[in-house]
Amino acid sequence: MTTLAATAALMAGLAGTAMAADYKTGHMTVSDPWARASMGMARAGAAFMTLNNAGSADDTLVSAAADVAKKVELHTHIMANGIMKMRRVEGGIPVPAGGTTMLKPGSYHIMFMGLKAPFREGSSFPLTLNFAKAGPVTVTVEIKSGAAMGHGMKMDMKKSN
């Protein structure tokens, strides 16, 4: 019976590991790409992941592309007058040599505007990331629960002119 329990525990651990995929291109590894499920009929969404650069030179995520939205951009958040504002990243997202850059809520992320359909929990979509040196890699973005952001941030989602 002990062997059966140990085997079951091992299989459960392996199943969780299989869901957190890594994708590689050149010296770059992309881990755990995910997006939050849409709230209602939201027309925008965001994807998050970890970028690890095992190379000896800095690299940059310069663009991303997906068929799920009319527009895909690299974004970050800045604090201005006590309000967190989302902004497009000009020049790309840096990934230092031998380092890691996290794309996470409240920080760097990939923004999808004009969603063709809401992001539904449990589904996924392909996303192509383009790095200046490592080149392109296509990852599968898993859509997770649309739980509220929390973090106590006020968001200004107005268009900037």
N, C-alpha and C. Protein backbone atom coordinates (compact mmCIF):
# COMPACT_ATOMS: atom_id res chain seq x y z
N MET A 1 0.82 -1.19 0.00
CA MET A 1 0.00 0.00 0.00
C MET A 1 0.86 1.26 0.00
N THR A 2 2.02 1.23 0.67
CA THR A 2 2.91 2.37 0.71
C THR A 2 3.43 2.70 -0.68
N THR A 3 3.75 1.68 -1.47
CA THR A 3 4.23 1.89 -2.84
C THR A 3 3.15 2.55 -3.68
N LEU A 4 1.91 2.14 -3.51
CA LEU A 4 0.80 2.72 -4.26
C LEU A 4 0.64 4.20 -3.92
N ALA A 5 0.73 4.55 -2.64
CA ALA A 5 0.60 5.94 -2.21
C ALA A 5 1.75 6.78 -2.75
N ALA A 6 2.96 6.23 -2.71
CA ALA A 6 4.13 6.95 -3.22
C ALA A 6 4.01 7.18 -4.72
N THR A 7 3.54 6.17 -5.44
CA THR A 7 3.36 6.29 -6.89
C THR A 7 2.31 7.35 -7.21
N ALA A 8 1.21 7.35 -6.47
CA ALA A 8 0.14 8.34 -6.68
C ALA A 8 0.67 9.75 -6.43
N ALA A 9 1.45 9.93 -5.37
CA ALA A 9 2.01 11.25 -5.06
C ALA A 9 2.97 11.70 -6.15
N LEU A 10 3.79 10.78 -6.65
CA LEU A 10 4.73 11.10 -7.72
C LEU A 10 3.99 11.51 -8.98
N MET A 11 2.95 10.77 -9.35
CA MET A 11 2.18 11.08 -10.55
C MET A 11 1.49 12.44 -10.43
N ALA A 12 0.96 12.75 -9.25
CA ALA A 12 0.31 14.04 -9.04
C ALA A 12 1.33 15.17 -9.21
N GLY A 13 2.53 14.98 -8.68
CA GLY A 13 3.58 15.98 -8.84
C GLY A 13 3.99 16.16 -10.28
N LEU A 14 4.10 15.06 -11.02
CA LEU A 14 4.47 15.13 -12.43
C LEU A 14 3.39 15.81 -13.25
N ALA A 15 2.13 15.59 -12.93
CA ALA A 15 1.04 16.23 -13.66
C ALA A 15 1.11 17.74 -13.50
N GLY A 16 1.40 18.22 -12.29
CA GLY A 16 1.53 19.66 -12.07
C GLY A 16 2.72 20.23 -12.80
N THR A 17 3.82 19.49 -12.87
CA THR A 17 5.01 19.94 -13.57
C THR A 17 4.76 20.03 -15.06
N ALA A 18 4.02 19.09 -15.61
CA ALA A 18 3.76 19.09 -17.05
C ALA A 18 2.98 20.31 -17.48
N MET A 19 2.15 20.87 -16.58
CA MET A 19 1.34 22.02 -16.94
C MET A 19 2.17 23.29 -17.02
N ALA A 20 3.28 23.38 -16.30
CA ALA A 20 4.13 24.56 -16.31
C ALA A 20 5.23 24.36 -17.33
N ALA A 21 4.94 24.67 -18.59
CA ALA A 21 5.88 24.39 -19.67
C ALA A 21 6.96 25.47 -19.79
N ASP A 22 8.12 25.04 -20.26
CA ASP A 22 9.21 25.95 -20.61
C ASP A 22 9.36 25.93 -22.12
N TYR A 23 9.66 27.09 -22.69
CA TYR A 23 9.87 27.22 -24.13
C TYR A 23 11.23 27.88 -24.32
N LYS A 24 12.01 27.38 -25.30
CA LYS A 24 13.36 27.89 -25.50
C LYS A 24 13.59 28.38 -26.92
N THR A 25 14.38 29.44 -27.02
CA THR A 25 14.89 29.92 -28.29
C THR A 25 16.27 30.49 -28.00
N GLY A 26 17.28 29.96 -28.65
CA GLY A 26 18.65 30.41 -28.38
C GLY A 26 18.95 30.26 -26.90
N HIS A 27 19.40 31.34 -26.27
CA HIS A 27 19.76 31.34 -24.86
C HIS A 27 18.59 31.73 -23.94
N MET A 28 17.43 31.96 -24.53
CA MET A 28 16.27 32.45 -23.77
C MET A 28 15.30 31.31 -23.43
N THR A 29 14.83 31.28 -22.17
CA THR A 29 13.80 30.33 -21.75
C THR A 29 12.60 31.14 -21.26
N VAL A 30 11.42 30.77 -21.75
CA VAL A 30 10.17 31.39 -21.33
C VAL A 30 9.42 30.36 -20.49
N SER A 31 9.05 30.73 -19.27
CA SER A 31 8.39 29.79 -18.35
C SER A 31 7.01 30.29 -17.94
N ASP A 32 6.09 29.34 -17.80
CA ASP A 32 4.76 29.54 -17.25
C ASP A 32 4.00 30.73 -17.84
N PRO A 33 3.80 30.78 -19.15
CA PRO A 33 2.99 31.87 -19.72
C PRO A 33 1.51 31.68 -19.37
N TRP A 34 0.89 32.74 -18.83
CA TRP A 34 -0.51 32.66 -18.44
C TRP A 34 -1.19 34.00 -18.63
N ALA A 35 -2.52 33.96 -18.70
CA ALA A 35 -3.33 35.17 -18.78
C ALA A 35 -4.50 35.00 -17.83
N ARG A 36 -5.00 36.12 -17.34
CA ARG A 36 -6.15 36.10 -16.45
C ARG A 36 -7.42 36.03 -17.29
N ALA A 37 -8.38 35.22 -16.87
CA ALA A 37 -9.67 35.12 -17.57
C ALA A 37 -10.35 36.49 -17.59
N SER A 38 -11.06 36.76 -18.68
CA SER A 38 -11.76 38.04 -18.85
C SER A 38 -12.90 38.17 -17.85
N MET A 39 -13.13 39.39 -17.43
CA MET A 39 -14.28 39.71 -16.59
C MET A 39 -15.38 40.21 -17.51
N GLY A 40 -16.51 39.54 -17.53
CA GLY A 40 -17.62 39.96 -18.38
C GLY A 40 -17.22 39.98 -19.85
N MET A 41 -17.52 41.06 -20.51
CA MET A 41 -17.22 41.21 -21.94
C MET A 41 -16.00 42.11 -22.16
N ALA A 42 -15.02 42.03 -21.29
CA ALA A 42 -13.82 42.86 -21.40
C ALA A 42 -13.22 42.76 -22.79
N ARG A 43 -12.73 43.87 -23.31
CA ARG A 43 -12.14 43.93 -24.65
C ARG A 43 -10.61 43.93 -24.59
N ALA A 44 -10.06 43.80 -23.38
CA ALA A 44 -8.61 43.78 -23.23
C ALA A 44 -8.21 42.67 -22.26
N GLY A 45 -6.97 42.23 -22.38
CA GLY A 45 -6.43 41.21 -21.49
C GLY A 45 -4.92 41.34 -21.42
N ALA A 46 -4.31 40.58 -20.54
CA ALA A 46 -2.86 40.65 -20.38
C ALA A 46 -2.29 39.27 -20.13
N ALA A 47 -1.05 39.07 -20.57
CA ALA A 47 -0.34 37.81 -20.35
C ALA A 47 0.91 38.07 -19.53
N PHE A 48 1.29 37.07 -18.76
CA PHE A 48 2.41 37.16 -17.83
C PHE A 48 3.26 35.91 -17.98
N MET A 49 4.55 36.01 -17.62
CA MET A 49 5.46 34.87 -17.73
C MET A 49 6.82 35.26 -17.15
N THR A 50 7.73 34.30 -17.13
CA THR A 50 9.10 34.55 -16.69
C THR A 50 10.03 34.38 -17.88
N LEU A 51 10.93 35.35 -18.08
CA LEU A 51 11.93 35.30 -19.15
C LEU A 51 13.30 35.12 -18.51
N ASN A 52 14.01 34.05 -18.88
CA ASN A 52 15.33 33.78 -18.32
C ASN A 52 16.37 33.78 -19.44
N ASN A 53 17.39 34.60 -19.30
CA ASN A 53 18.44 34.74 -20.30
C ASN A 53 19.70 34.04 -19.79
N ALA A 54 20.02 32.87 -20.33
CA ALA A 54 21.21 32.13 -19.93
C ALA A 54 22.43 32.56 -20.73
N GLY A 55 22.27 33.52 -21.62
CA GLY A 55 23.36 33.98 -22.47
C GLY A 55 24.30 34.94 -21.75
N SER A 56 25.39 35.30 -22.44
CA SER A 56 26.38 36.21 -21.87
C SER A 56 26.15 37.66 -22.32
N ALA A 57 25.09 37.89 -23.11
CA ALA A 57 24.76 39.24 -23.57
C ALA A 57 23.31 39.56 -23.22
N ASP A 58 23.05 40.82 -22.92
CA ASP A 58 21.69 41.26 -22.67
C ASP A 58 20.83 40.99 -23.91
N ASP A 59 19.55 40.78 -23.71
CA ASP A 59 18.61 40.61 -24.82
C ASP A 59 17.39 41.46 -24.51
N THR A 60 16.49 41.57 -25.48
CA THR A 60 15.30 42.39 -25.33
C THR A 60 14.12 41.70 -25.98
N LEU A 61 13.00 41.62 -25.27
CA LEU A 61 11.75 41.18 -25.88
C LEU A 61 11.23 42.40 -26.63
N VAL A 62 11.25 42.34 -27.97
CA VAL A 62 10.92 43.52 -28.78
C VAL A 62 9.47 43.57 -29.23
N SER A 63 8.81 42.41 -29.33
CA SER A 63 7.41 42.41 -29.74
C SER A 63 6.77 41.07 -29.43
N ALA A 64 5.45 41.05 -29.56
CA ALA A 64 4.67 39.83 -29.38
C ALA A 64 3.52 39.87 -30.37
N ALA A 65 3.07 38.69 -30.79
CA ALA A 65 1.97 38.61 -31.76
C ALA A 65 1.06 37.44 -31.42
N ALA A 66 -0.25 37.67 -31.58
CA ALA A 66 -1.25 36.62 -31.37
C ALA A 66 -2.51 36.99 -32.15
N ASP A 67 -3.23 35.98 -32.58
CA ASP A 67 -4.46 36.19 -33.35
C ASP A 67 -5.68 36.44 -32.47
N VAL A 68 -5.52 36.49 -31.15
CA VAL A 68 -6.67 36.62 -30.25
C VAL A 68 -7.14 38.06 -30.08
N ALA A 69 -6.35 39.03 -30.57
CA ALA A 69 -6.70 40.44 -30.40
C ALA A 69 -6.29 41.24 -31.63
N LYS A 70 -6.92 42.40 -31.77
CA LYS A 70 -6.59 43.29 -32.89
C LYS A 70 -5.19 43.88 -32.72
N LYS A 71 -4.78 44.10 -31.46
CA LYS A 71 -3.50 44.74 -31.18
C LYS A 71 -2.84 44.05 -30.00
N VAL A 72 -1.52 43.80 -30.11
CA VAL A 72 -0.73 43.20 -29.03
C VAL A 72 0.46 44.12 -28.78
N GLU A 73 0.63 44.56 -27.54
CA GLU A 73 1.72 45.48 -27.19
C GLU A 73 2.41 45.04 -25.91
N LEU A 74 3.65 45.49 -25.75
CA LEU A 74 4.41 45.29 -24.51
C LEU A 74 4.09 46.48 -23.61
N HIS A 75 3.72 46.22 -22.35
CA HIS A 75 3.30 47.28 -21.43
C HIS A 75 4.00 47.15 -20.09
N THR A 76 3.93 48.23 -19.33
CA THR A 76 4.35 48.25 -17.94
C THR A 76 3.44 49.19 -17.18
N HIS A 77 3.64 49.32 -15.88
CA HIS A 77 2.88 50.25 -15.05
C HIS A 77 3.84 51.27 -14.46
N ILE A 78 3.37 52.50 -14.34
CA ILE A 78 4.14 53.53 -13.65
C ILE A 78 3.22 54.19 -12.62
N MET A 79 3.81 54.65 -11.54
CA MET A 79 3.04 55.35 -10.51
C MET A 79 3.14 56.85 -10.81
N ALA A 80 1.99 57.51 -10.96
CA ALA A 80 1.95 58.95 -11.22
C ALA A 80 0.85 59.57 -10.37
N ASN A 81 1.23 60.48 -9.49
CA ASN A 81 0.26 61.16 -8.61
C ASN A 81 -0.58 60.17 -7.81
N GLY A 82 0.04 59.12 -7.33
CA GLY A 82 -0.65 58.14 -6.50
C GLY A 82 -1.55 57.19 -7.26
N ILE A 83 -1.51 57.24 -8.59
CA ILE A 83 -2.34 56.36 -9.41
C ILE A 83 -1.43 55.53 -10.30
N MET A 84 -1.69 54.22 -10.32
CA MET A 84 -0.93 53.32 -11.18
C MET A 84 -1.47 53.45 -12.60
N LYS A 85 -0.58 53.77 -13.55
CA LYS A 85 -0.99 53.94 -14.94
C LYS A 85 -0.26 52.94 -15.82
N MET A 86 -0.99 52.38 -16.77
CA MET A 86 -0.41 51.44 -17.71
C MET A 86 0.15 52.21 -18.90
N ARG A 87 1.34 51.82 -19.36
CA ARG A 87 1.98 52.49 -20.49
C ARG A 87 2.64 51.47 -21.40
N ARG A 88 2.64 51.77 -22.69
CA ARG A 88 3.35 50.95 -23.67
C ARG A 88 4.85 51.10 -23.42
N VAL A 89 5.58 50.01 -23.56
CA VAL A 89 7.03 50.02 -23.38
C VAL A 89 7.68 50.32 -24.73
N GLU A 90 8.39 51.41 -24.81
CA GLU A 90 9.11 51.77 -26.04
C GLU A 90 10.47 51.09 -26.02
N GLY A 91 10.84 50.43 -27.10
CA GLY A 91 12.15 49.80 -27.20
C GLY A 91 12.21 48.38 -26.67
N GLY A 92 11.13 47.88 -26.09
CA GLY A 92 11.09 46.50 -25.64
C GLY A 92 11.36 46.32 -24.16
N ILE A 93 11.24 45.08 -23.72
CA ILE A 93 11.45 44.71 -22.32
C ILE A 93 12.82 44.07 -22.19
N PRO A 94 13.72 44.67 -21.39
CA PRO A 94 15.09 44.14 -21.26
C PRO A 94 15.14 42.85 -20.44
N VAL A 95 16.02 41.94 -20.88
CA VAL A 95 16.30 40.71 -20.14
C VAL A 95 17.82 40.64 -20.00
N PRO A 96 18.36 40.92 -18.81
CA PRO A 96 19.81 41.00 -18.65
C PRO A 96 20.52 39.66 -18.85
N ALA A 97 21.76 39.73 -19.29
CA ALA A 97 22.60 38.52 -19.45
C ALA A 97 22.66 37.79 -18.12
N GLY A 98 22.42 36.47 -18.17
CA GLY A 98 22.46 35.67 -16.96
C GLY A 98 21.36 36.00 -15.96
N GLY A 99 20.33 36.72 -16.41
CA GLY A 99 19.30 37.17 -15.48
C GLY A 99 17.89 36.80 -15.90
N THR A 100 16.95 37.25 -15.09
CA THR A 100 15.54 36.93 -15.27
C THR A 100 14.72 38.21 -15.23
N THR A 101 13.72 38.29 -16.10
CA THR A 101 12.74 39.37 -16.06
C THR A 101 11.37 38.74 -15.90
N MET A 102 10.63 39.21 -14.90
CA MET A 102 9.29 38.70 -14.64
C MET A 102 8.26 39.61 -15.30
N LEU A 103 7.36 39.02 -16.06
CA LEU A 103 6.19 39.73 -16.56
C LEU A 103 5.09 39.32 -15.61
N LYS A 104 4.57 40.29 -14.82
CA LYS A 104 3.62 39.96 -13.76
C LYS A 104 2.64 41.12 -13.57
N PRO A 105 1.50 40.85 -12.94
CA PRO A 105 0.54 41.93 -12.69
C PRO A 105 1.20 43.09 -11.95
N GLY A 106 0.90 44.31 -12.39
CA GLY A 106 1.47 45.50 -11.77
C GLY A 106 2.85 45.84 -12.27
N SER A 107 3.35 45.15 -13.28
CA SER A 107 4.70 45.35 -13.80
C SER A 107 4.67 45.14 -15.31
N TYR A 108 5.78 44.66 -15.86
CA TYR A 108 5.81 44.33 -17.28
C TYR A 108 4.75 43.27 -17.59
N HIS A 109 4.13 43.39 -18.77
CA HIS A 109 3.16 42.39 -19.23
C HIS A 109 2.93 42.57 -20.73
N ILE A 110 2.26 41.60 -21.32
CA ILE A 110 1.88 41.69 -22.73
C ILE A 110 0.40 42.02 -22.76
N MET A 111 0.05 43.12 -23.42
CA MET A 111 -1.33 43.63 -23.43
C MET A 111 -2.01 43.27 -24.74
N PHE A 112 -3.23 42.76 -24.63
CA PHE A 112 -4.06 42.40 -25.79
C PHE A 112 -5.24 43.35 -25.82
N MET A 113 -5.35 44.15 -26.88
CA MET A 113 -6.44 45.12 -26.99
C MET A 113 -7.33 44.76 -28.17
N GLY A 114 -8.63 44.90 -27.97
CA GLY A 114 -9.57 44.50 -29.01
C GLY A 114 -9.67 42.99 -29.10
N LEU A 115 -9.87 42.33 -27.94
CA LEU A 115 -10.00 40.87 -27.94
C LEU A 115 -11.11 40.44 -28.90
N LYS A 116 -10.83 39.40 -29.66
CA LYS A 116 -11.83 38.86 -30.59
C LYS A 116 -12.88 38.04 -29.84
N ALA A 117 -12.51 37.51 -28.68
CA ALA A 117 -13.42 36.78 -27.79
C ALA A 117 -12.84 36.88 -26.38
N PRO A 118 -13.68 36.85 -25.35
CA PRO A 118 -13.16 36.92 -23.98
C PRO A 118 -12.21 35.76 -23.68
N PHE A 119 -11.23 36.00 -22.82
CA PHE A 119 -10.35 34.93 -22.34
C PHE A 119 -11.16 34.08 -21.37
N ARG A 120 -11.30 32.80 -21.66
CA ARG A 120 -12.08 31.89 -20.82
C ARG A 120 -11.16 30.96 -20.03
N GLU A 121 -11.39 30.89 -18.72
CA GLU A 121 -10.59 30.02 -17.85
C GLU A 121 -10.56 28.60 -18.39
N GLY A 122 -9.36 28.01 -18.40
CA GLY A 122 -9.18 26.64 -18.86
C GLY A 122 -8.81 26.53 -20.33
N SER A 123 -8.94 27.62 -21.07
CA SER A 123 -8.54 27.58 -22.49
C SER A 123 -7.11 28.10 -22.63
N SER A 124 -6.61 28.12 -23.85
CA SER A 124 -5.24 28.58 -24.10
C SER A 124 -5.17 29.15 -25.51
N PHE A 125 -4.05 29.83 -25.81
CA PHE A 125 -3.84 30.36 -27.15
C PHE A 125 -2.34 30.49 -27.41
N PRO A 126 -1.94 30.43 -28.70
CA PRO A 126 -0.52 30.60 -29.04
C PRO A 126 -0.14 32.08 -29.07
N LEU A 127 1.07 32.36 -28.61
CA LEU A 127 1.62 33.71 -28.58
C LEU A 127 3.06 33.62 -29.06
N THR A 128 3.41 34.42 -30.06
CA THR A 128 4.79 34.45 -30.55
C THR A 128 5.51 35.64 -29.94
N LEU A 129 6.63 35.36 -29.28
CA LEU A 129 7.49 36.37 -28.68
C LEU A 129 8.70 36.55 -29.57
N ASN A 130 9.10 37.80 -29.80
CA ASN A 130 10.25 38.09 -30.65
C ASN A 130 11.34 38.78 -29.84
N PHE A 131 12.48 38.10 -29.70
CA PHE A 131 13.62 38.64 -28.97
C PHE A 131 14.64 39.19 -29.96
N ALA A 132 15.30 40.28 -29.60
CA ALA A 132 16.27 40.93 -30.48
C ALA A 132 17.40 39.98 -30.88
N LYS A 133 17.92 39.20 -29.95
CA LYS A 133 19.05 38.31 -30.24
C LYS A 133 18.65 36.85 -30.33
N ALA A 134 17.81 36.37 -29.42
CA ALA A 134 17.44 34.95 -29.39
C ALA A 134 16.46 34.58 -30.50
N GLY A 135 15.75 35.57 -31.06
CA GLY A 135 14.81 35.30 -32.13
C GLY A 135 13.41 34.98 -31.62
N PRO A 136 12.55 34.44 -32.51
CA PRO A 136 11.16 34.18 -32.13
C PRO A 136 10.97 32.84 -31.43
N VAL A 137 9.96 32.79 -30.58
CA VAL A 137 9.53 31.54 -29.96
C VAL A 137 8.02 31.63 -29.76
N THR A 138 7.32 30.56 -30.08
CA THR A 138 5.87 30.52 -29.87
C THR A 138 5.58 29.71 -28.62
N VAL A 139 4.81 30.31 -27.71
CA VAL A 139 4.45 29.69 -26.44
C VAL A 139 2.94 29.48 -26.40
N THR A 140 2.49 28.64 -25.50
CA THR A 140 1.06 28.45 -25.27
C THR A 140 0.69 29.15 -23.97
N VAL A 141 -0.19 30.13 -24.06
CA VAL A 141 -0.63 30.89 -22.89
C VAL A 141 -1.87 30.21 -22.31
N GLU A 142 -1.77 29.79 -21.05
CA GLU A 142 -2.88 29.14 -20.35
C GLU A 142 -3.70 30.22 -19.66
N ILE A 143 -5.02 30.16 -19.79
CA ILE A 143 -5.88 31.16 -19.17
C ILE A 143 -6.35 30.64 -17.82
N LYS A 144 -6.06 31.45 -16.78
CA LYS A 144 -6.36 31.07 -15.39
C LYS A 144 -7.50 31.91 -14.83
N SER A 145 -7.91 31.61 -13.62
CA SER A 145 -9.02 32.28 -12.94
C SER A 145 -8.94 33.80 -13.03
N GLY A 146 -10.08 34.43 -13.18
CA GLY A 146 -10.15 35.89 -13.29
C GLY A 146 -10.32 36.58 -11.96
N ALA A 147 -9.70 36.06 -10.90
CA ALA A 147 -9.81 36.66 -9.57
C ALA A 147 -9.37 38.12 -9.60
N ALA A 148 -9.94 38.93 -8.76
CA ALA A 148 -9.63 40.36 -8.71
C ALA A 148 -8.15 40.58 -8.42
N MET A 149 -7.62 41.73 -8.89
CA MET A 149 -6.20 42.04 -8.75
C MET A 149 -5.76 42.19 -7.30
N GLY A 150 -6.58 42.78 -6.45
CA GLY A 150 -6.12 43.05 -5.10
C GLY A 150 -5.08 44.14 -5.12
N HIS A 151 -3.94 43.97 -4.55
CA HIS A 151 -2.78 44.86 -4.56
C HIS A 151 -3.09 46.29 -4.12
N GLY A 152 -4.37 46.68 -3.94
CA GLY A 152 -4.70 48.03 -3.49
C GLY A 152 -4.33 49.11 -4.48
N MET A 153 -4.24 48.81 -5.76
CA MET A 153 -3.84 49.80 -6.75
C MET A 153 -5.07 50.42 -7.39
N LYS A 154 -5.00 51.74 -7.63
CA LYS A 154 -6.01 52.40 -8.45
C LYS A 154 -5.48 52.39 -9.87
N MET A 155 -6.32 52.03 -10.82
CA MET A 155 -5.87 51.92 -12.21
C MET A 155 -6.48 53.02 -13.06
N ASP A 156 -5.67 53.66 -13.91
CA ASP A 156 -6.12 54.65 -14.88
C ASP A 156 -5.98 54.01 -16.24
N MET A 157 -7.09 53.57 -16.83
CA MET A 157 -7.06 52.86 -18.10
C MET A 157 -7.43 53.78 -19.26
N LYS A 158 -7.43 55.10 -19.04
CA LYS A 158 -7.78 56.04 -20.11
C LYS A 158 -6.71 56.06 -21.17
N LYS A 159 -7.13 56.35 -22.40
CA LYS A 159 -6.16 56.48 -23.48
C LYS A 159 -5.32 57.72 -23.25
N SER A 160 -4.04 57.64 -23.56
CA SER A 160 -3.19 58.82 -23.46
C SER A 160 -3.02 59.39 -24.86
N ASN A 161 -3.08 60.69 -24.97
CA ASN A 161 -2.95 61.35 -26.28
C ASN A 161 -1.60 61.96 -26.45
